[in-house]
Amino acid sequence: MADTSNLPDLNSPEARIQGQLYTKYYFRNSYTLAQAVETSFAKAGRNSLGVKQRNNKGIWVLQATGMPSILIELGFLSNREEEDYLNSSSGQQEMVDNIMEGFRGYKSGLER
């Protein structure tokens, strides 16, 4: 059996406060990253619906990450034109390029 004597009590007030601080820190960075990616898509001429948050709580599947994290909606398969774009090699490459450009912008902003 593993030794758990050095593990913090996650139910303690201190652990909860520390967890909330980490959540706020990563939430802010996630929003900044999402804005950078969205800006990259908009500059490429893609339709921008803006960066969305769910009531300042984040998205459940991303909440437990220990790093900035985002979900990217690339298009709507119910739209025939977007479906063709999403399935094309050139469309997929353009989306990858836009995501990477946004990430690079986010990273260079952190390094300043």
Protein backbone atom coordinates (compact mmCIF):
# COMPACT_ATOMS: atom_id res chain seq x y z
CA MET A 1 0.00 0.00 0.00
CA ALA A 2 1.28 3.50 -0.86
CA ASP A 3 2.29 5.93 1.87
CA THR A 4 -0.29 8.75 1.94
CA SER A 5 0.94 10.53 5.07
CA ASN A 6 2.47 13.39 3.04
CA LEU A 7 -0.65 14.14 1.00
CA PRO A 8 -2.52 17.35 1.88
CA ASP A 9 -6.07 17.22 3.21
CA LEU A 10 -8.04 18.38 0.17
CA ASN A 11 -11.03 19.20 2.38
CA SER A 12 -9.09 21.69 4.52
CA PRO A 13 -9.88 25.41 4.14
CA GLU A 14 -6.29 26.06 3.03
CA ALA A 15 -6.47 23.48 0.24
CA ARG A 16 -9.80 24.86 -0.97
CA ILE A 17 -8.47 28.42 -1.05
CA GLN A 18 -5.36 27.30 -2.92
CA GLY A 19 -7.52 25.40 -5.40
CA GLN A 20 -9.68 28.48 -6.00
CA LEU A 21 -6.59 30.60 -6.62
CA TYR A 22 -5.25 28.12 -9.17
CA THR A 23 -8.67 27.96 -10.86
CA LYS A 24 -8.84 31.76 -11.18
CA TYR A 25 -5.27 31.93 -12.47
CA TYR A 26 -5.79 29.28 -15.15
CA PHE A 27 -9.25 30.61 -16.01
CA ARG A 28 -7.79 34.05 -16.78
CA ASN A 29 -4.99 32.52 -18.88
CA SER A 30 -7.47 30.26 -20.67
CA TYR A 31 -9.55 33.29 -21.62
CA THR A 32 -6.45 35.11 -22.93
CA LEU A 33 -5.47 32.05 -24.98
CA ALA A 34 -9.00 31.73 -26.37
CA GLN A 35 -8.99 35.40 -27.39
CA ALA A 36 -5.66 34.97 -29.20
CA VAL A 37 -6.95 31.96 -31.15
CA GLU A 38 -10.24 33.70 -31.94
CA THR A 39 -8.35 36.76 -33.22
CA SER A 40 -6.28 34.54 -35.49
CA PHE A 41 -9.43 32.95 -36.95
CA ALA A 42 -11.05 36.37 -37.46
CA LYS A 43 -7.95 37.72 -39.24
CA ALA A 44 -8.15 34.74 -41.62
CA GLY A 45 -11.71 35.71 -42.51
CA ARG A 46 -13.55 33.05 -40.53
CA ASN A 47 -16.88 34.03 -39.00
CA SER A 48 -16.23 35.10 -35.41
CA LEU A 49 -18.84 34.35 -32.77
CA GLY A 50 -16.55 35.63 -30.02
CA VAL A 51 -15.08 33.95 -26.97
CA LYS A 52 -17.77 32.45 -24.78
CA GLN A 53 -17.68 31.48 -21.13
CA ARG A 54 -20.25 29.60 -19.17
CA ASN A 55 -21.31 32.02 -16.41
CA ASN A 56 -17.69 32.72 -15.40
CA LYS A 57 -17.43 29.10 -14.25
CA GLY A 58 -15.65 27.67 -17.23
CA ILE A 59 -16.52 24.48 -19.04
CA TRP A 60 -16.85 21.42 -16.84
CA VAL A 61 -14.54 19.19 -18.89
CA LEU A 62 -11.76 21.81 -18.64
CA GLN A 63 -12.12 22.75 -14.97
CA ALA A 64 -9.75 20.17 -13.53
CA THR A 65 -6.80 20.98 -15.77
CA GLY A 66 -3.59 22.34 -14.26
CA MET A 67 -2.92 24.58 -17.25
CA PRO A 68 -4.74 27.01 -19.50
CA SER A 69 -7.22 25.10 -21.65
CA ILE A 70 -9.82 25.93 -24.28
CA LEU A 71 -12.36 24.21 -26.52
CA ILE A 72 -12.47 25.41 -30.10
CA GLU A 73 -15.61 25.23 -32.21
CA LEU A 74 -14.29 25.05 -35.74
CA GLY A 75 -17.58 25.11 -37.62
CA PHE A 76 -21.00 23.57 -38.02
CA LEU A 77 -21.49 20.30 -39.86
CA SER A 78 -25.13 21.24 -40.37
CA ASN A 79 -23.92 23.95 -42.78
CA ARG A 80 -22.98 22.25 -46.07
CA GLU A 81 -20.35 24.88 -46.99
CA GLU A 82 -18.67 24.61 -43.58
CA GLU A 83 -18.85 20.81 -43.70
CA ASP A 84 -16.96 20.83 -47.01
CA TYR A 85 -14.40 23.26 -45.57
CA LEU A 86 -13.91 21.18 -42.40
CA ASN A 87 -13.42 18.02 -44.46
CA SER A 88 -10.96 19.55 -46.93
CA SER A 89 -7.21 19.24 -46.46
CA SER A 90 -6.72 22.95 -47.13
CA GLY A 91 -9.42 23.89 -44.60
CA GLN A 92 -7.92 21.62 -41.95
CA GLN A 93 -4.44 23.04 -42.57
CA GLU A 94 -5.76 26.59 -42.35
CA MET A 95 -7.46 25.84 -39.03
CA VAL A 96 -4.27 24.28 -37.63
CA ASP A 97 -2.28 27.32 -38.80
CA ASN A 98 -4.78 29.69 -37.14
CA ILE A 99 -4.69 27.78 -33.85
CA MET A 100 -0.89 27.74 -33.86
CA GLU A 101 -0.72 31.46 -34.69
CA GLY A 102 -3.03 32.19 -31.76
CA PHE A 103 -0.98 29.99 -29.45
CA ARG A 104 2.26 31.65 -30.52
CA GLY A 105 0.74 35.07 -29.86
CA TYR A 106 -0.43 33.94 -26.43
CA LYS A 107 2.98 32.46 -25.61
CA SER A 108 4.91 35.54 -26.72
CA GLY A 109 2.58 37.68 -24.57
CA LEU A 110 3.44 35.55 -21.54
CA GLU A 111 7.15 35.83 -22.23
CA ARG A 112 7.08 39.65 -22.33
